[in-house]
Amino acid sequence: MRNPLCRLGTSPDVHGFIRRVPVIMGSASRRRIMRMQITTLTHKTREKAGESLSGVRSGIRGFLPFLGPAIIASIAYMDPGNFATNIQSGASFGYMLLWVVLLANLIAMLFQSLSAKLGIVTGMSLASVCRENLPRPLVAVMWIGSELSAIATDLAEVLGGALGLSLLFHIPLLPACVIVGIATYLILLLHGYGFRPMEIVISAFVSIISLSYVAELFIAPPRWGEALYHTFVPQLAGGESVLLAVGIVGATVMPHALYLHSDLTKDRIPTKNESEKRRVIRYSNHEVLLALGLAGLVNMAMVAISASAFYFTGHQGVSDIASAYQTLAPLFGEASAAIFLLSLLASGFSSSVVGTMAGQTIMQDFVRFRIPLWFRRIVTLAPACVIAALGVNVIHALVMSQVVLSLALPIPMIALVYLTSKRSVMGAFTSSKLVVVASVAASVVVLALNGYLLAQYL
């Protein structure tokens, strides 16, 4: 008789391993291992996805089972680092840097789609493919750079969430950091119950952030004509605008999101042949356009609202989240300030969860070493707690963390361009010449911005 666990997506080999777990562990421990194995495979979602691939489900119903990975990755594009750079750019330069937000979002769409495709085609994450195909010394350097970018990411996310809690409930920043760390750890435990619960929670956070900025657009409406002009006409005004432009790129195109997206797609939907793989890739690209398109609109709304609320009202000195909150209340009412804090809290909690997930992927796939989730949460929480305890300027730490991310960004970008253009890795799914040219051009743009930033510092 067929093993009943096979119908749940668990292989007989895994079932055999579970049966052979030493008796000393006890039946409760063995049941816990079995439950974790079964629930992380999302049998119902895979069944519906199979119906979509076979043509039984179509349209929106056919698309729904494939929603999830890009939505989780998109939260990295609406984290507190985005709040910091977008508020500062809008307050200091009005709508001038909207074109940078658009450019960064288009680059993000291209590279997130490449990351998702790599996971679907190879069945491995970007970090694993790098380990299998690149020289070990280079892999070691990539791992160190990626870990530093993950720490910089979590720094911004924890500080942003803590700042929102501090302003809303009038508590010191250090206890607020600890609360964010504990709360995000509890949310991370949902991952043990399968993909869908985590995807639903992250989708809820994305909805809160998006609806908050829709409401803010009515409270502080932008000058649509000027905003549209600066969205498509590039312009810079000195070293500070360049610093913010690089910060926007660092806050929008996230290194850890590139690693995570491939990990989320690598074994989510099983495929039987090339035709099914192409359909999964097509659904994935549609999800990337939807999720990152929404994230891009939210980022542009942040800049536009900041310009309307501060730049055009004579409050160009607003350069941080705290002063933005304190200025919004007298200008547009307590409701506006409360909505702003609500979106910041949702951003801090959700992006910290996603950052920790990415950190786990980076370590276990680059160096084949896994640490307990609670330990990684403590390690990545420590820098934010130190900054809070020392009283360092939070907004400066947020902006500089985004600059660090931008400097680390070329590592996964170049790796993705190289690996997805190799036939030995991608087979029939090797990137076309047009995609290679576009991805190389995007990488050059990011490298050029980084080079200009370093020249300004020197």
Protein backbone atom coordinates (compact mmCIF):
# COMPACT_ATOMS: atom_id res chain seq x y z
CA MET A 1 0.00 0.00 0.00
CA ARG A 2 1.22 3.51 -0.79
CA ASN A 3 2.71 5.35 2.15
CA PRO A 4 0.01 7.83 3.33
CA LEU A 5 2.65 10.46 4.04
CA CYS A 6 3.46 10.63 0.33
CA ARG A 7 0.03 12.15 -0.24
CA LEU A 8 0.98 14.87 2.20
CA GLY A 9 4.16 15.72 0.33
CA THR A 10 6.53 13.81 2.65
CA SER A 11 8.86 11.30 1.01
CA PRO A 12 9.09 7.67 2.24
CA ASP A 13 12.76 8.33 3.03
CA VAL A 14 11.84 11.10 5.41
CA HIS A 15 9.12 8.95 6.95
CA GLY A 16 11.64 6.16 7.41
CA PHE A 17 14.05 8.55 9.08
CA ILE A 18 11.34 9.70 11.48
CA ARG A 19 10.51 6.08 12.34
CA ARG A 20 14.19 5.48 13.10
CA VAL A 21 14.47 8.44 15.50
CA PRO A 22 15.95 6.96 18.69
CA VAL A 23 13.41 5.77 21.21
CA ILE A 24 15.13 7.87 23.86
CA MET A 25 13.60 10.97 22.23
CA GLY A 26 10.14 9.75 23.13
CA SER A 27 7.00 9.58 21.02
CA ALA A 28 6.14 13.25 21.65
CA SER A 29 9.45 14.39 20.11
CA ARG A 30 8.96 12.14 17.11
CA ARG A 31 5.43 13.45 16.57
CA ARG A 32 6.75 17.01 16.75
CA ILE A 33 9.38 16.29 14.07
CA MET A 34 6.78 14.61 11.85
CA ARG A 35 4.30 17.47 12.26
CA MET A 36 6.96 20.05 11.35
CA GLN A 37 7.95 18.09 8.22
CA ILE A 38 4.36 17.75 7.05
CA THR A 39 3.15 21.29 7.72
CA THR A 40 6.07 23.05 6.05
CA LEU A 41 5.18 21.45 2.70
CA THR A 42 1.78 23.19 2.20
CA HIS A 43 0.02 20.20 0.63
CA LYS A 44 -3.21 22.08 -0.14
CA THR A 45 -1.39 24.94 -1.84
CA ARG A 46 0.63 22.52 -3.95
CA GLU A 47 -2.51 20.63 -4.92
CA LYS A 48 -4.18 23.84 -6.11
CA ALA A 49 -1.01 24.86 -7.92
CA GLY A 50 -0.99 21.49 -9.69
CA GLU A 51 -4.55 22.17 -10.86
CA SER A 52 -3.42 25.55 -12.20
CA LEU A 53 -0.50 23.98 -14.07
CA SER A 54 -2.80 21.33 -15.57
CA GLY A 55 -5.35 23.96 -16.65
CA VAL A 56 -8.12 22.98 -14.21
CA ARG A 57 -7.83 26.37 -12.46
CA SER A 58 -7.35 29.57 -14.47
CA GLY A 59 -7.49 33.34 -14.15
CA ILE A 60 -7.21 34.78 -10.66
CA ARG A 61 -8.03 31.39 -9.09
CA GLY A 62 -5.16 29.87 -11.00
CA PHE A 63 -2.80 32.65 -9.92
CA LEU A 64 -3.62 32.60 -6.19
CA PRO A 65 -1.65 29.44 -5.24
CA PHE A 66 1.53 31.08 -6.54
CA LEU A 67 1.16 34.21 -4.41
CA GLY A 68 3.52 34.43 -1.45
CA PRO A 69 7.28 34.55 -2.15
CA ALA A 70 7.34 37.97 -3.85
CA ILE A 71 4.98 39.40 -1.22
CA ILE A 72 7.36 38.30 1.54
CA ALA A 73 10.34 39.70 -0.40
CA SER A 74 8.50 42.98 -1.06
CA ILE A 75 8.37 43.87 2.64
CA ALA A 76 12.13 44.43 2.38
CA TYR A 77 11.28 47.34 0.06
CA MET A 78 9.04 49.01 2.63
CA ASP A 79 11.24 48.75 5.71
CA PRO A 80 12.14 51.59 8.15
CA GLY A 81 15.23 52.34 6.06
CA ASN A 82 12.87 53.36 3.27
CA PHE A 83 10.99 55.58 5.70
CA ALA A 84 14.24 57.28 6.74
CA THR A 85 15.64 57.93 3.26
CA ASN A 86 12.27 58.82 1.70
CA ILE A 87 11.32 61.28 4.45
CA GLN A 88 14.72 62.95 4.27
CA SER A 89 14.73 63.16 0.48
CA GLY A 90 11.17 64.54 0.31
CA ALA A 91 11.72 67.08 3.08
CA SER A 92 15.10 68.23 1.72
CA PHE A 93 14.57 68.13 -2.05
CA GLY A 94 10.83 67.91 -2.64
CA TYR A 95 9.99 65.65 -5.56
CA MET A 96 13.50 65.80 -7.10
CA LEU A 97 14.52 62.23 -6.21
CA LEU A 98 11.31 60.47 -7.28
CA TRP A 99 13.10 59.29 -10.43
CA VAL A 100 15.62 57.48 -8.22
CA VAL A 101 12.76 55.62 -6.49
CA LEU A 102 11.32 54.59 -9.87
CA LEU A 103 14.72 53.50 -11.20
CA ALA A 104 15.52 51.53 -8.05
CA ASN A 105 12.15 49.79 -8.17
CA LEU A 106 12.58 48.75 -11.81
CA ILE A 107 16.02 47.34 -10.96
CA ALA A 108 14.48 45.53 -7.98
CA MET A 109 11.80 43.94 -10.20
CA LEU A 110 14.41 42.68 -12.65
CA PHE A 111 16.68 41.13 -10.03
CA GLN A 112 13.91 39.67 -7.85
CA SER A 113 12.49 37.94 -10.92
CA LEU A 114 15.96 36.53 -11.70
CA SER A 115 16.32 35.33 -8.11
CA ALA A 116 12.90 33.64 -8.17
CA LYS A 117 13.67 31.98 -11.51
CA LEU A 118 17.00 30.67 -10.23
CA GLY A 119 15.24 28.99 -7.30
CA ILE A 120 12.48 27.51 -9.49
CA VAL A 121 14.85 26.12 -12.14
CA THR A 122 17.69 24.80 -9.95
CA GLY A 123 15.74 23.85 -6.82
CA MET A 124 18.41 25.69 -4.82
CA SER A 125 18.80 29.13 -3.26
CA LEU A 126 21.18 31.76 -4.68
CA ALA A 127 23.63 31.12 -1.82
CA SER A 128 23.64 27.35 -2.54
CA VAL A 129 24.18 27.87 -6.27
CA CYS A 130 27.07 30.23 -5.49
CA ARG A 131 28.59 27.60 -3.22
CA GLU A 132 28.30 24.93 -5.92
CA ASN A 133 29.64 27.00 -8.82
CA LEU A 134 32.10 29.59 -7.50
CA PRO A 135 35.61 29.26 -5.97
CA ARG A 136 35.57 28.68 -2.22
CA PRO A 137 37.63 31.83 -1.33
CA LEU A 138 35.13 33.95 -3.28
CA VAL A 139 32.22 32.19 -1.57
CA ALA A 140 33.77 32.98 1.83
CA VAL A 141 34.06 36.67 0.92
CA MET A 142 30.47 36.70 -0.38
CA TRP A 143 29.23 35.08 2.82
CA ILE A 144 30.97 37.65 5.04
CA GLY A 145 29.64 40.54 2.94
CA SER A 146 26.16 39.07 2.95
CA GLU A 147 26.18 38.56 6.72
CA LEU A 148 27.24 42.20 7.21
CA SER A 149 24.42 43.34 4.95
CA ALA A 150 21.97 41.18 6.94
CA ILE A 151 23.16 42.84 10.17
CA ALA A 152 22.79 46.31 8.60
CA THR A 153 19.31 45.34 7.45
CA ASP A 154 18.19 44.18 10.87
CA LEU A 155 19.70 47.28 12.46
CA ALA A 156 17.42 49.52 10.39
CA GLU A 157 14.37 47.33 10.90
CA VAL A 158 14.65 46.95 14.67
CA LEU A 159 15.46 50.64 15.18
CA GLY A 160 12.53 51.67 13.00
CA GLY A 161 10.05 49.47 14.83
CA ALA A 162 11.46 50.49 18.21
CA LEU A 163 11.24 54.16 17.30
CA GLY A 164 7.58 53.72 16.38
CA LEU A 165 6.86 52.00 19.73
CA SER A 166 8.82 54.66 21.60
CA LEU A 167 6.90 57.52 20.02
CA LEU A 168 3.51 55.85 20.30
CA PHE A 169 3.74 54.63 23.90
CA HIS A 170 6.36 57.08 25.26
CA ILE A 171 8.80 54.40 26.36
CA PRO A 172 12.63 54.52 26.15
CA LEU A 173 14.22 53.29 22.93
CA LEU A 174 16.19 50.41 24.50
CA PRO A 175 13.16 48.58 26.00
CA ALA A 176 11.35 49.20 22.71
CA CYS A 177 14.18 47.40 20.84
CA VAL A 178 13.82 44.40 23.16
CA ILE A 179 10.04 44.32 22.62
CA VAL A 180 10.52 44.36 18.83
CA GLY A 181 13.04 41.51 19.11
CA ILE A 182 10.69 39.34 21.19
CA ALA A 183 7.65 40.09 19.02
CA THR A 184 9.42 39.28 15.77
CA TYR A 185 10.76 36.04 17.23
CA LEU A 186 7.20 34.99 18.12
CA ILE A 187 6.05 35.78 14.57
CA LEU A 188 8.96 33.75 13.18
CA LEU A 189 7.70 30.69 15.06
CA LEU A 190 4.74 30.64 12.64
CA HIS A 191 7.10 29.36 9.96
CA GLY A 192 7.03 25.99 11.70
CA TYR A 193 3.35 25.68 10.70
CA GLY A 194 3.93 26.05 6.97
CA PHE A 195 4.43 28.68 4.31
CA ARG A 196 0.87 30.00 4.25
CA PRO A 197 0.55 31.30 7.85
CA MET A 198 3.74 33.34 7.44
CA GLU A 199 2.66 34.60 4.01
CA ILE A 200 -0.73 35.66 5.39
CA VAL A 201 0.83 37.56 8.30
CA ILE A 202 3.31 39.37 6.04
CA SER A 203 0.51 40.17 3.57
CA ALA A 204 -1.47 41.72 6.43
CA PHE A 205 1.48 43.94 7.31
CA VAL A 206 1.87 44.96 3.64
CA SER A 207 -1.83 45.87 3.55
CA ILE A 208 -1.51 48.03 6.68
CA ILE A 209 1.45 49.95 5.23
CA SER A 210 -0.24 50.43 1.84
CA LEU A 211 -3.59 51.54 3.25
CA SER A 212 -1.82 53.92 5.64
CA TYR A 213 -0.20 55.75 2.74
CA VAL A 214 -3.40 55.79 0.72
CA ALA A 215 -4.98 57.61 3.68
CA GLU A 216 -1.99 59.99 3.94
CA LEU A 217 -2.37 60.90 0.24
CA PHE A 218 -5.82 62.30 1.05
CA ILE A 219 -4.57 64.10 4.17
CA ALA A 220 -1.51 65.69 2.51
CA PRO A 221 -2.15 65.51 -1.26
CA PRO A 222 0.91 66.06 -3.48
CA ARG A 223 1.25 68.42 -6.43
CA TRP A 224 0.61 65.73 -9.01
CA GLY A 225 2.03 67.59 -12.02
CA GLU A 226 5.39 68.32 -10.36
CA ALA A 227 5.57 64.84 -8.87
CA LEU A 228 4.96 63.24 -12.29
CA TYR A 229 7.63 65.45 -13.90
CA HIS A 230 10.33 64.51 -11.38
CA THR A 231 9.37 60.84 -11.60
CA PHE A 232 10.68 60.70 -15.17
CA VAL A 233 13.25 63.55 -15.35
CA PRO A 234 16.57 62.77 -13.59
CA GLN A 235 18.05 65.55 -11.50
CA LEU A 236 20.53 65.88 -8.62
CA ALA A 237 21.66 68.84 -6.52
CA GLY A 238 25.05 68.30 -4.88
CA GLY A 239 26.65 65.75 -2.58
CA GLU A 240 23.78 65.43 -0.12
CA SER A 241 21.31 64.51 -2.86
CA VAL A 242 23.77 61.90 -4.17
CA LEU A 243 24.11 60.43 -0.68
CA LEU A 244 20.33 60.19 -0.41
CA ALA A 245 20.06 58.74 -3.93
CA VAL A 246 22.48 55.95 -3.01
CA GLY A 247 20.59 55.47 0.26
CA ILE A 248 17.33 55.12 -1.69
CA VAL A 249 18.90 52.47 -3.93
CA GLY A 250 20.25 50.68 -0.86
CA ALA A 251 16.86 50.85 0.82
CA THR A 252 14.99 49.67 -2.27
CA VAL A 253 17.13 46.97 -3.87
CA MET A 254 17.94 44.76 -0.88
CA PRO A 255 20.78 42.16 -0.93
CA HIS A 256 19.09 39.89 1.61
CA ALA A 257 15.83 39.92 -0.40
CA LEU A 258 17.70 38.54 -3.43
CA TYR A 259 18.99 35.62 -1.36
CA LEU A 260 15.65 35.00 0.35
CA HIS A 261 13.45 35.06 -2.77
CA SER A 262 15.33 32.18 -4.41
CA ASP A 263 15.08 30.20 -1.17
CA LEU A 264 11.31 30.74 -1.00
CA THR A 265 10.74 29.51 -4.57
CA LYS A 266 13.25 26.64 -4.70
CA ASP A 267 10.89 23.84 -3.58
CA ARG A 268 7.57 25.56 -3.08
CA ILE A 269 5.79 24.22 -6.17
CA PRO A 270 7.05 20.91 -7.62
CA THR A 271 7.15 20.68 -11.43
CA LYS A 272 7.25 17.62 -13.70
CA ASN A 273 8.71 19.07 -16.91
CA GLU A 274 10.02 22.21 -18.62
CA SER A 275 6.55 23.31 -19.65
CA GLU A 276 5.36 23.40 -16.04
CA LYS A 277 8.54 25.19 -14.98
CA ARG A 278 7.88 27.90 -17.56
CA ARG A 279 4.35 28.35 -16.23
CA VAL A 280 5.60 28.64 -12.65
CA ILE A 281 8.18 31.22 -13.78
CA ARG A 282 5.47 33.16 -15.59
CA TYR A 283 3.25 33.19 -12.50
CA SER A 284 6.28 34.22 -10.42
CA ASN A 285 7.02 37.16 -12.75
CA HIS A 286 3.40 38.30 -12.49
CA GLU A 287 3.65 38.19 -8.70
CA VAL A 288 6.90 40.18 -8.77
CA LEU A 289 5.26 42.88 -10.89
CA LEU A 290 2.27 43.00 -8.54
CA ALA A 291 4.10 42.92 -5.20
CA LEU A 292 7.05 45.14 -6.10
CA GLY A 293 4.85 47.47 -8.12
CA LEU A 294 2.83 48.07 -4.96
CA ALA A 295 6.02 48.52 -2.94
CA GLY A 296 7.28 51.05 -5.48
CA LEU A 297 4.05 53.05 -5.29
CA VAL A 298 4.29 53.07 -1.48
CA ASN A 299 7.87 54.38 -1.67
CA MET A 300 6.92 57.10 -4.14
CA ALA A 301 3.99 58.05 -1.90
CA MET A 302 6.41 58.37 1.05
CA VAL A 303 8.58 60.86 -0.87
CA ALA A 304 5.60 62.78 -2.27
CA ILE A 305 3.83 63.05 1.10
CA SER A 306 7.06 64.10 2.81
CA ALA A 307 7.51 66.82 0.16
CA SER A 308 3.90 68.02 0.56
CA ALA A 309 3.98 67.95 4.34
CA PHE A 310 7.44 69.42 4.95
CA TYR A 311 9.26 70.80 1.90
CA PHE A 312 6.41 72.95 0.62
CA THR A 313 5.29 74.07 4.10
CA GLY A 314 8.66 75.53 5.12
CA HIS A 315 9.76 72.56 7.27
CA GLN A 316 12.74 71.49 5.15
CA GLY A 317 14.66 70.88 8.37
CA VAL A 318 12.64 67.73 9.04
CA SER A 319 15.25 65.03 8.57
CA ASP A 320 14.21 62.14 10.78
CA ILE A 321 11.23 59.99 11.64
CA ALA A 322 10.74 61.49 15.12
CA SER A 323 10.63 65.10 13.90
CA ALA A 324 8.36 64.05 11.02
CA TYR A 325 5.91 62.56 13.52
CA GLN A 326 6.09 65.62 15.76
CA THR A 327 5.55 67.96 12.80
CA LEU A 328 2.68 66.03 11.24
CA ALA A 329 0.39 66.34 14.26
CA PRO A 330 0.16 70.18 14.39
CA LEU A 331 0.11 70.48 10.57
CA PHE A 332 -2.41 67.79 9.62
CA GLY A 333 -3.85 66.54 12.89
CA GLU A 334 -3.26 63.67 15.31
CA ALA A 335 -4.86 61.16 12.91
CA SER A 336 -2.16 61.78 10.31
CA ALA A 337 0.62 61.28 12.88
CA ALA A 338 -1.05 58.12 14.25
CA ILE A 339 -1.42 56.61 10.76
CA PHE A 340 2.23 57.36 10.09
CA LEU A 341 3.29 55.53 13.27
CA LEU A 342 1.01 52.59 12.51
CA SER A 343 2.66 52.09 9.12
CA LEU A 344 6.12 52.42 10.71
CA LEU A 345 5.29 49.76 13.32
CA ALA A 346 3.97 47.37 10.66
CA SER A 347 7.11 47.99 8.62
CA GLY A 348 9.48 47.42 11.55
CA PHE A 349 7.89 44.17 12.75
CA SER A 350 7.42 42.57 9.34
CA SER A 351 10.76 43.56 7.82
CA SER A 352 12.62 42.34 10.90
CA VAL A 353 10.95 38.95 10.49
CA VAL A 354 11.93 38.81 6.81
CA GLY A 355 15.49 39.95 7.59
CA THR A 356 15.96 37.13 10.10
CA MET A 357 14.62 34.58 7.61
CA ALA A 358 17.12 35.84 5.04
CA GLY A 359 19.97 35.67 7.55
CA GLN A 360 19.18 32.02 8.24
CA THR A 361 19.22 31.26 4.52
CA ILE A 362 22.53 33.07 3.97
CA MET A 363 24.33 31.17 6.72
CA GLN A 364 22.95 27.67 6.17
CA ASP A 365 23.37 27.76 2.37
CA PHE A 366 26.74 29.52 2.10
CA VAL A 367 28.59 27.63 4.85
CA ARG A 368 26.19 24.74 5.59
CA PHE A 369 25.92 25.81 9.19
CA ARG A 370 22.66 26.47 11.02
CA ILE A 371 22.24 28.25 14.33
CA PRO A 372 19.08 28.30 16.48
CA LEU A 373 16.59 30.96 15.47
CA TRP A 374 16.58 32.52 18.94
CA PHE A 375 20.37 32.88 18.87
CA ARG A 376 20.35 34.65 15.48
CA ARG A 377 17.58 36.92 16.76
CA ILE A 378 19.76 37.90 19.74
CA VAL A 379 22.90 38.43 17.62
CA THR A 380 21.13 40.64 15.07
CA LEU A 381 19.27 42.50 17.82
CA ALA A 382 22.47 43.41 19.69
CA PRO A 383 23.72 46.27 17.39
CA ALA A 384 20.36 48.06 17.58
CA CYS A 385 20.34 47.74 21.38
CA VAL A 386 23.88 49.15 21.58
CA ILE A 387 22.92 52.15 19.44
CA ALA A 388 19.82 52.73 21.57
CA ALA A 389 21.82 52.44 24.82
CA LEU A 390 24.53 54.86 23.62
CA GLY A 391 22.02 57.42 22.41
CA VAL A 392 23.34 57.50 18.84
CA ASN A 393 21.25 59.53 16.37
CA VAL A 394 18.73 56.99 15.10
CA ILE A 395 18.02 58.59 11.73
CA HIS A 396 21.74 58.84 10.93
CA ALA A 397 22.16 55.15 11.81
CA LEU A 398 19.19 54.27 9.59
CA VAL A 399 20.46 56.22 6.57
CA MET A 400 24.02 54.93 6.93
CA SER A 401 22.76 51.34 7.21
CA GLN A 402 21.11 51.82 3.82
CA VAL A 403 24.38 53.12 2.37
CA VAL A 404 26.11 49.96 3.70
CA LEU A 405 23.44 47.87 1.99
CA SER A 406 23.99 49.72 -1.27
CA LEU A 407 27.73 49.06 -1.09
CA ALA A 408 27.07 45.34 -0.44
CA LEU A 409 24.41 45.09 -3.16
CA PRO A 410 26.72 44.43 -6.17
CA ILE A 411 27.75 41.06 -4.65
CA PRO A 412 24.42 39.22 -5.16
CA MET A 413 23.59 41.30 -8.25
CA ILE A 414 26.74 40.26 -10.13
CA ALA A 415 26.34 36.67 -8.92
CA LEU A 416 22.77 36.56 -10.23
CA VAL A 417 23.73 38.00 -13.63
CA TYR A 418 26.57 35.50 -13.99
CA LEU A 419 24.75 32.39 -12.77
CA THR A 420 21.48 32.95 -14.63
CA SER A 421 23.42 33.44 -17.88
CA LYS A 422 25.27 30.10 -17.48
CA ARG A 423 23.74 27.24 -19.46
CA SER A 424 25.39 24.71 -17.15
CA VAL A 425 23.30 26.17 -14.28
CA MET A 426 20.04 27.17 -15.97
CA GLY A 427 19.88 24.82 -18.97
CA ALA A 428 17.02 25.80 -21.27
CA PHE A 429 16.13 28.67 -18.93
CA THR A 430 19.38 30.59 -19.44
CA SER A 431 18.75 34.35 -19.57
CA SER A 432 18.29 35.88 -23.01
CA LYS A 433 20.77 38.42 -24.36
CA LEU A 434 18.25 41.21 -23.72
CA VAL A 435 17.87 40.23 -20.05
CA VAL A 436 21.65 39.92 -19.65
CA VAL A 437 22.21 43.39 -21.18
CA ALA A 438 19.49 44.92 -18.98
CA SER A 439 20.83 43.28 -15.80
CA VAL A 440 24.42 44.28 -16.60
CA ALA A 441 23.29 47.87 -17.26
CA ALA A 442 21.41 47.91 -13.93
CA SER A 443 24.48 46.61 -12.13
CA VAL A 444 26.63 49.33 -13.76
CA VAL A 445 24.18 52.00 -12.58
CA VAL A 446 24.40 50.77 -8.99
CA LEU A 447 28.20 50.50 -9.15
CA ALA A 448 28.43 54.02 -10.62
CA LEU A 449 26.30 55.46 -7.81
CA ASN A 450 28.44 53.67 -5.22
CA GLY A 451 31.65 54.89 -6.85
CA TYR A 452 30.40 58.47 -6.85
CA LEU A 453 29.49 58.15 -3.17
CA LEU A 454 32.97 56.89 -2.26
CA ALA A 455 34.54 59.72 -4.27
CA GLN A 456 32.43 62.24 -2.32
CA TYR A 457 33.67 60.77 0.99
CA LEU A 458 37.30 60.71 -0.17
